[in-house]
Structures are given as C-alpha cells and as structure tokens.
Protein backbone atom coordinates (compact mmCIF):
# COMPACT_ATOMS: atom_id res chain seq x y z
CA MET A 1 35.64 41.67 -27.59
CA LYS A 2 33.01 41.16 -30.09
CA ASN A 3 33.73 37.78 -32.12
CA THR A 4 34.73 38.32 -35.86
CA ASN A 5 32.98 36.67 -38.69
CA THR A 6 35.32 33.85 -38.71
CA GLU A 7 34.56 32.53 -35.28
CA MET A 8 31.61 30.17 -34.51
CA LYS A 9 29.02 31.88 -32.34
CA ARG A 10 26.62 31.06 -29.60
CA ILE A 11 23.41 32.44 -30.99
CA ALA A 12 20.07 33.56 -29.43
CA LEU A 13 17.37 33.04 -32.21
CA LEU A 14 14.28 35.13 -31.73
CA VAL A 15 11.66 34.57 -34.38
CA ASP A 16 8.59 37.03 -34.89
CA TYR A 17 6.19 34.53 -36.07
CA ASP A 18 3.50 37.12 -36.81
CA ASN A 19 5.24 37.75 -40.12
CA PHE A 20 8.14 35.29 -40.39
CA ASN A 21 6.31 32.34 -40.70
CA GLU A 22 6.93 30.61 -44.19
CA ASP A 23 7.89 26.99 -43.71
CA HIS A 24 10.60 27.06 -46.53
CA TYR A 25 12.17 30.34 -45.06
CA PHE A 26 12.76 28.25 -41.87
CA ASP A 27 14.66 25.59 -43.74
CA ILE A 28 17.16 28.20 -45.37
CA LEU A 29 17.30 30.08 -41.96
CA PHE A 30 18.86 27.06 -40.06
CA ASP A 31 20.96 26.03 -42.89
CA GLU A 32 22.47 29.49 -42.71
CA LEU A 33 22.98 29.45 -39.14
CA ASP A 34 24.54 26.39 -38.93
CA GLU A 35 27.39 27.75 -40.78
CA ILE A 36 27.54 30.71 -38.33
CA GLY A 37 27.40 28.92 -35.08
CA ASP A 38 25.06 27.06 -32.67
CA VAL A 39 21.66 28.12 -31.50
CA ILE A 40 21.81 28.10 -27.84
CA ILE A 41 18.36 29.66 -27.27
CA GLY A 42 15.67 29.61 -29.84
CA ARG A 43 12.24 31.18 -28.96
CA VAL A 44 9.39 31.96 -31.35
CA TYR A 45 6.75 34.71 -30.60
CA PHE A 46 3.38 34.91 -31.68
CA SER A 47 0.15 36.68 -31.00
CA ASN A 48 -2.40 34.92 -33.41
CA GLU A 49 -4.61 32.27 -31.89
CA GLU A 50 -3.75 29.83 -34.71
CA GLY A 51 -0.15 29.60 -33.26
CA LYS A 52 -1.13 27.69 -30.47
CA LYS A 53 -2.19 24.95 -33.04
CA LEU A 54 1.47 24.69 -34.27
CA ALA A 55 3.04 23.07 -31.33
CA ASP A 56 4.36 19.98 -33.22
CA LYS A 57 5.86 22.55 -35.81
CA PHE A 58 7.76 24.46 -33.07
CA LYS A 59 8.71 21.43 -31.30
CA LYS A 60 9.96 19.93 -34.69
CA LEU A 61 12.24 23.38 -35.20
CA GLU A 62 13.30 22.97 -31.50
CA LEU A 63 11.89 26.52 -30.85
CA ASP A 64 10.34 27.23 -27.60
CA PRO A 65 6.77 28.94 -28.51
CA ILE A 66 5.75 32.08 -26.49
CA TYR A 67 2.15 33.36 -26.94
CA GLN A 68 1.64 37.06 -26.20
CA LEU A 69 -1.88 38.11 -25.54
CA ARG A 70 -3.06 41.25 -27.09
CA PHE A 71 -4.06 43.80 -24.51
CA SER A 72 -5.16 46.34 -27.18
CA THR A 73 -5.40 47.02 -30.66
CA GLY A 74 -2.88 48.86 -32.76
CA LYS A 75 -0.16 47.71 -30.68
CA ASN A 76 2.47 45.17 -31.67
CA ALA A 77 2.34 42.99 -28.50
CA VAL A 78 4.87 40.47 -30.22
CA ASP A 79 7.47 43.26 -30.95
CA ILE A 80 7.20 44.60 -27.23
CA ARG A 81 7.69 41.09 -25.80
CA MET A 82 10.44 39.93 -28.26
CA SER A 83 12.53 43.09 -27.44
CA ILE A 84 12.06 42.92 -23.64
CA GLU A 85 13.42 39.48 -23.67
CA ALA A 86 16.04 40.30 -25.89
CA ILE A 87 17.41 42.85 -23.47
CA GLU A 88 16.97 40.46 -20.80
CA LEU A 89 19.22 37.81 -22.57
CA LEU A 90 22.11 40.39 -22.70
CA SER A 91 22.66 39.26 -18.98
CA LYS A 92 23.58 35.85 -20.29
CA ASP A 93 27.68 36.19 -21.30
CA TYR A 94 27.52 33.00 -22.94
CA ILE A 95 25.20 34.40 -25.87
CA ASP A 96 27.53 36.45 -28.15
CA ALA A 97 25.35 36.68 -30.96
CA PHE A 98 21.53 37.26 -31.58
CA CYS A 99 19.51 36.38 -34.92
CA LEU A 100 16.15 38.44 -35.15
CA ALA A 101 14.00 36.73 -37.87
CA THR A 102 11.51 39.18 -38.88
CA HIS A 103 10.23 41.23 -41.67
CA ASP A 104 9.74 44.17 -39.42
CA ALA A 105 11.69 47.00 -39.69
CA ASP A 106 10.42 48.26 -36.24
CA PHE A 107 13.35 46.22 -34.66
CA THR A 108 15.86 48.35 -36.00
CA PRO A 109 16.46 50.26 -32.63
CA LEU A 110 16.88 46.77 -30.99
CA VAL A 111 19.57 45.89 -33.22
CA LYS A 112 21.48 48.74 -32.43
CA LYS A 113 20.78 48.22 -28.56
CA LEU A 114 22.15 44.96 -28.73
CA LYS A 115 25.24 46.10 -30.68
CA GLU A 116 25.88 48.73 -28.10
CA ASN A 117 26.22 45.88 -25.87
CA ASN A 118 28.84 44.15 -27.91
CA ARG A 119 26.62 41.65 -29.26
CA PHE A 120 27.05 40.37 -32.88
CA VAL A 121 23.37 40.66 -34.52
CA ILE A 122 22.21 38.76 -37.48
CA GLY A 123 18.94 39.81 -39.43
CA ALA A 124 16.81 37.36 -41.34
CA GLY A 125 13.91 38.25 -43.77
CA ARG A 126 12.67 38.94 -47.07
CA ASP A 127 14.23 41.14 -49.73
CA ASN A 128 12.03 44.02 -49.15
CA VAL A 129 12.97 44.61 -45.58
CA SER A 130 13.98 48.12 -44.89
CA LYS A 131 17.57 48.97 -45.74
CA HIS A 132 17.80 50.77 -42.33
CA PHE A 133 17.06 47.37 -40.82
CA LYS A 134 19.80 45.36 -42.92
CA SER A 135 22.39 48.12 -42.63
CA ALA A 136 21.96 48.23 -38.67
CA CYS A 137 22.79 44.27 -38.66
CA ASP A 138 26.16 42.80 -38.76
CA GLN A 139 24.90 40.38 -41.20
CA PHE A 140 21.72 39.90 -42.84
CA ILE A 141 20.28 36.63 -44.40
CA ASN A 142 17.95 37.47 -47.22
CA VAL A 143 15.79 34.21 -47.04
CA GLU A 144 13.78 35.17 -50.13
CA GLN A 145 16.89 35.61 -52.62
CA ILE A 146 18.27 32.25 -51.45
CA TYR A 147 14.79 30.57 -51.99
CA ASN A 148 14.28 32.18 -55.41
CA ALA A 149 17.77 31.46 -56.67
CA LYS A 150 17.51 27.85 -55.50
CA LYS A 151 13.89 27.62 -57.04
CA SER A 152 15.00 28.96 -60.31
CA GLN A 153 17.78 26.31 -60.51
CA GLU A 154 15.08 23.54 -59.90
CA VAL A 155 12.48 25.09 -62.33
CA LYS A 156 15.12 25.33 -65.11
CA LYS A 157 15.22 21.57 -65.11
CA VAL A 158 11.85 21.09 -65.85
CA VAL A 159 10.60 24.37 -67.63
CA SER A 160 11.20 24.47 -71.51
CA ASN A 161 9.12 27.58 -72.08
CA LYS A 162 12.13 30.16 -73.08
CA LYS A 163 10.17 33.17 -72.10
CA GLU A 164 9.43 31.85 -68.91
CA LEU A 165 12.82 31.10 -68.14
CA GLU A 166 13.75 34.39 -68.84
CA GLU A 167 11.38 35.93 -66.56
CA ILE A 168 12.79 33.69 -63.68
CA ASN A 169 16.27 34.79 -64.12
CA LYS A 170 15.59 38.29 -64.82
CA SER A 171 15.83 39.48 -61.05
CA ILE A 172 18.69 37.27 -60.43
CA ASP A 173 20.50 38.92 -63.24
CA GLN A 174 19.74 42.29 -62.12
CA ARG A 175 21.02 41.83 -58.93
CA LEU A 176 24.08 40.08 -60.21
CA ASN A 177 24.91 43.41 -62.53
CA GLU A 178 24.63 45.46 -59.05
CA PHE A 179 26.79 43.07 -57.34
CA VAL A 180 29.40 43.24 -60.28
CA ALA A 181 29.36 47.09 -60.02
CA LEU A 182 30.00 46.97 -56.44
CA VAL A 183 33.01 44.48 -56.56
CA ASN A 184 34.40 46.72 -59.37
CA GLY A 185 34.31 49.60 -57.13
CA ILE A 186 35.87 47.76 -54.41
CA ILE A 187 39.08 46.34 -56.69
CA ASP A 188 39.59 50.05 -58.28
CA GLN A 189 39.93 51.24 -54.73
CA ASN A 190 42.17 48.34 -53.68
CA LYS A 191 44.08 46.99 -56.60
CA ASP A 192 47.89 47.18 -56.74
CA SER A 193 50.03 48.60 -59.83
CA ASP A 194 49.11 45.32 -61.75
CA GLY A 195 45.21 45.69 -61.12
CA TYR A 196 44.80 42.85 -58.81
CA MET A 197 43.71 42.60 -55.04
CA TYR A 198 43.53 39.86 -52.58
CA LEU A 199 40.66 37.85 -52.80
CA SER A 200 40.39 37.51 -48.95
CA ARG A 201 40.56 41.22 -48.71
CA LEU A 202 37.55 41.58 -51.18
CA SER A 203 35.54 38.95 -48.99
CA ILE A 204 36.06 41.22 -45.96
CA LEU A 205 35.10 44.51 -47.60
CA LEU A 206 32.15 42.90 -49.19
CA GLY A 207 30.70 41.72 -45.81
CA VAL A 208 31.25 45.35 -44.73
CA LYS A 209 29.58 47.04 -47.83
CA ASP A 210 26.95 44.48 -48.22
CA LYS A 211 25.41 42.99 -45.33
CA GLU A 212 23.31 40.16 -47.00
CA PHE A 213 26.39 39.13 -49.52
CA ASN A 214 26.07 35.47 -50.05
CA PRO A 215 26.91 33.59 -53.02
CA LYS A 216 23.54 31.48 -52.60
CA ASN A 217 21.75 34.71 -53.35
CA TYR A 218 22.79 34.29 -57.02
CA GLY A 219 22.31 30.54 -57.40
CA ALA A 220 25.70 29.07 -56.08
CA PRO A 221 25.46 25.72 -54.30
CA ASN A 222 27.44 27.17 -51.28
CA LYS A 223 28.98 30.23 -49.67
CA ARG A 224 32.68 29.69 -50.81
CA ILE A 225 33.65 32.74 -52.83
CA LEU A 226 36.49 31.23 -54.75
CA PRO A 227 34.30 28.83 -56.66
CA PHE A 228 31.68 31.55 -57.15
CA PHE A 229 33.87 33.99 -58.89
CA GLN A 230 35.51 31.12 -60.86
CA LYS A 231 32.39 29.90 -62.15
CA GLN A 232 29.36 32.44 -61.82
CA LEU A 233 31.66 35.44 -62.43
CA ALA A 234 34.15 33.85 -64.87
CA ASP A 235 33.25 36.48 -67.68
CA TYR A 236 34.06 39.46 -65.31
CA TYR A 237 37.35 38.66 -63.36
CA ASP A 238 40.73 37.21 -63.45
CA LEU A 239 41.88 35.02 -60.56
CA ILE A 240 45.63 34.07 -60.00
CA GLU A 241 47.11 32.12 -57.31
CA GLU A 242 50.46 33.27 -55.78
CA LYS A 243 52.18 31.27 -52.94
CA ASN A 244 48.68 29.73 -52.14
CA VAL A 245 46.97 33.10 -51.99
CA TRP A 246 44.35 34.00 -54.59
CA LYS A 247 44.17 37.47 -56.13
CA ILE A 248 41.45 39.03 -58.31
CA ALA A 249 41.30 41.60 -61.11
CA ILE A 250 38.87 43.25 -63.32
CA LYS A 251 38.80 41.60 -66.85
CA PRO A 252 39.26 43.96 -69.83
CA ARG A 253 35.86 45.68 -70.57
CA LEU A 254 35.56 44.07 -73.87
CA MET A 255 35.78 40.69 -72.42
CA GLN A 256 32.89 41.59 -69.90
CA ILE A 257 30.51 42.49 -72.68
CA PRO A 258 29.06 39.28 -74.37
CA LYS A 259 29.16 39.75 -78.16
CA GLU A 260 25.80 39.76 -79.78
CA PRO A 261 25.41 36.97 -82.40
CA GLU A 262 25.76 38.08 -85.94
CA VAL A 263 22.37 37.99 -87.89
CA GLU A 264 22.61 36.58 -91.26
CA GLN A 265 21.45 38.96 -93.75
CA PRO A 266 19.17 37.45 -96.47
CA VAL A 267 20.52 37.39 -99.88
CA LYS A 268 18.61 39.93 -102.35
CA LYS A 269 17.86 38.26 -105.58
CA PRO A 270 18.63 40.71 -108.54
CA VAL A 271 15.58 42.39 -109.73
CA VAL A 272 15.10 41.16 -113.59
CA ARG A 273 13.30 44.19 -115.34
CA ARG A 274 11.44 43.72 -118.57
CA LYS A 275 12.48 45.78 -121.21
CA ARG A 276 9.44 47.86 -122.57
CA THR A 277 8.83 48.21 -126.32
CA SER A 278 7.48 51.29 -127.72
CA SER A 279 4.01 51.39 -129.65
CA ILE A 280 6.00 52.26 -132.68
CA ALA A 281 8.14 49.24 -132.80
CA LYS A 282 5.16 47.10 -132.20
CA GLN A 283 3.38 48.46 -135.30
CA LYS A 284 6.68 47.94 -137.32
C-alpha cells in the first residue's frame, strides 16, 4: 500500500542536471525533502562536458554523477538514461518514493509509470513547468516560488524604494489571491451549518487540489498551516479551537476588503467678487 503524506519516505532522488542546475534551487530542494523523508539514492544526470568539472559540487551534495554521452543530435540522452534507471529502481522494494528534479515536462509519462507501480512521486522545478507534469505528481516542490518568496523577505529589509517593493510583492500577492479563492471554494463545499470546517480536513484537500501548496511559497517561515492562516491570512479567515481541534471559516466579505484610506479634500476658499461700478456712477 502506498505511503501517505504523513509518513516519512525513503526517496530515490534523480536530478536532470542539464536543466535543473541552479545552486540556490538545490538548497531549497534538500530542505524540502528533509521534511518528507530520507534520500536513500541520489543521482545527477548530465550530458554537458562542463558537468565533469563539477565533481566537488556533486560530492558535497552527496549525489552520484552520471555522465551520458550524446550519440546523436536532437535527442535528449539524459532523459532516456534517467527514465531507464528510474524503472530499474522499481525493483528495490525499500524505495517507496521518487523525486524527479527537472524543469522538463517530458518526464510526465515516467511519473505516471512510477505511480502505476505504487510509488509516491515528488516533482521539483520552476514555476513555469507544465501543469500536466505538476498534476501528475503526488506532490510538487516549486523551488522558484519558495526562492522568490524568501528573497522578497530579505529584500524588504534593505530596499527603501516603495515602487520597487511593490513590484517585488506583486507576483506573490497575485498567487495569494488565487490561493484564497481556492480555499474559499473548499470551505464552501465542506462547511457545517455554522460555516466552519476542520483545518486538518482543509489541509488534506489542499494537497489534493494544489500539488505545489506550501506556505513557504507565500513567504511563511515553515510549512505549518495553522500559523500560516493565523498570520498571513488573518484578514480572510476565522479560526477557533474546540477540544484541541482547530476549525476554520471564511470571514464576512466586508472584513476581507481593506478599506481605502479617506483622502482629505482641500478646503475651497470662498471667491470674493468685487462689485463692479457702472460708468454712470463714476461720472457722478
């Protein structure tokens, strides 16, 4: 039986280094995988000759480097080699999860094949990875969103230009609005007569409907869902605790819409009109 999200997993990590090769993304990837389970097997595949010079980097990451020679042009040798070895690893019963680190949606059929063999599949890549690849995975680590959210928190401390700060937060705010709409839909479909639903149930449904859901995508310091709703989303939701169980409800609409500051209207000075004297009066 496939492991659930709450169980620590034994992971085979396969990295497509031809397109997943940013140093800061590796830091995020390993931080996220540490919360999911243990990386039992770690391999990094590359076809670029430059990859041979990165032995020290791969050693530090504890990844086995696998160089794949290109036998012809126009063919992605790394994709083929990585897919073949993933299928071979299915014979190892102690591996119950695979993580495919790639920005390439061509691995979608591989994801489906691994899931057919009762393996939990984690995808990792940038925000623009195909939605088909993301939805095919059991879970998707959006390394780009996490990195940008983390970077924005650091930039806020040093940037004083208001316009620049607004641009930094624009994409995060847009995703947050989309997330709020998703949460509202889930609550509307599962709320009780008082308008509340269990927060634990919401967390499970979010994982089903949004494979890349992670509070860190929106600047939260960790994955804990309760403080995320209590702090980042306090203007949108009410949370109550009943017998050590948390419940959540949508706040009234008027409370969700921030009031625009009242603009003080300038006081108009009365216009003093001079009395016009006729020419006849002047002659008198």
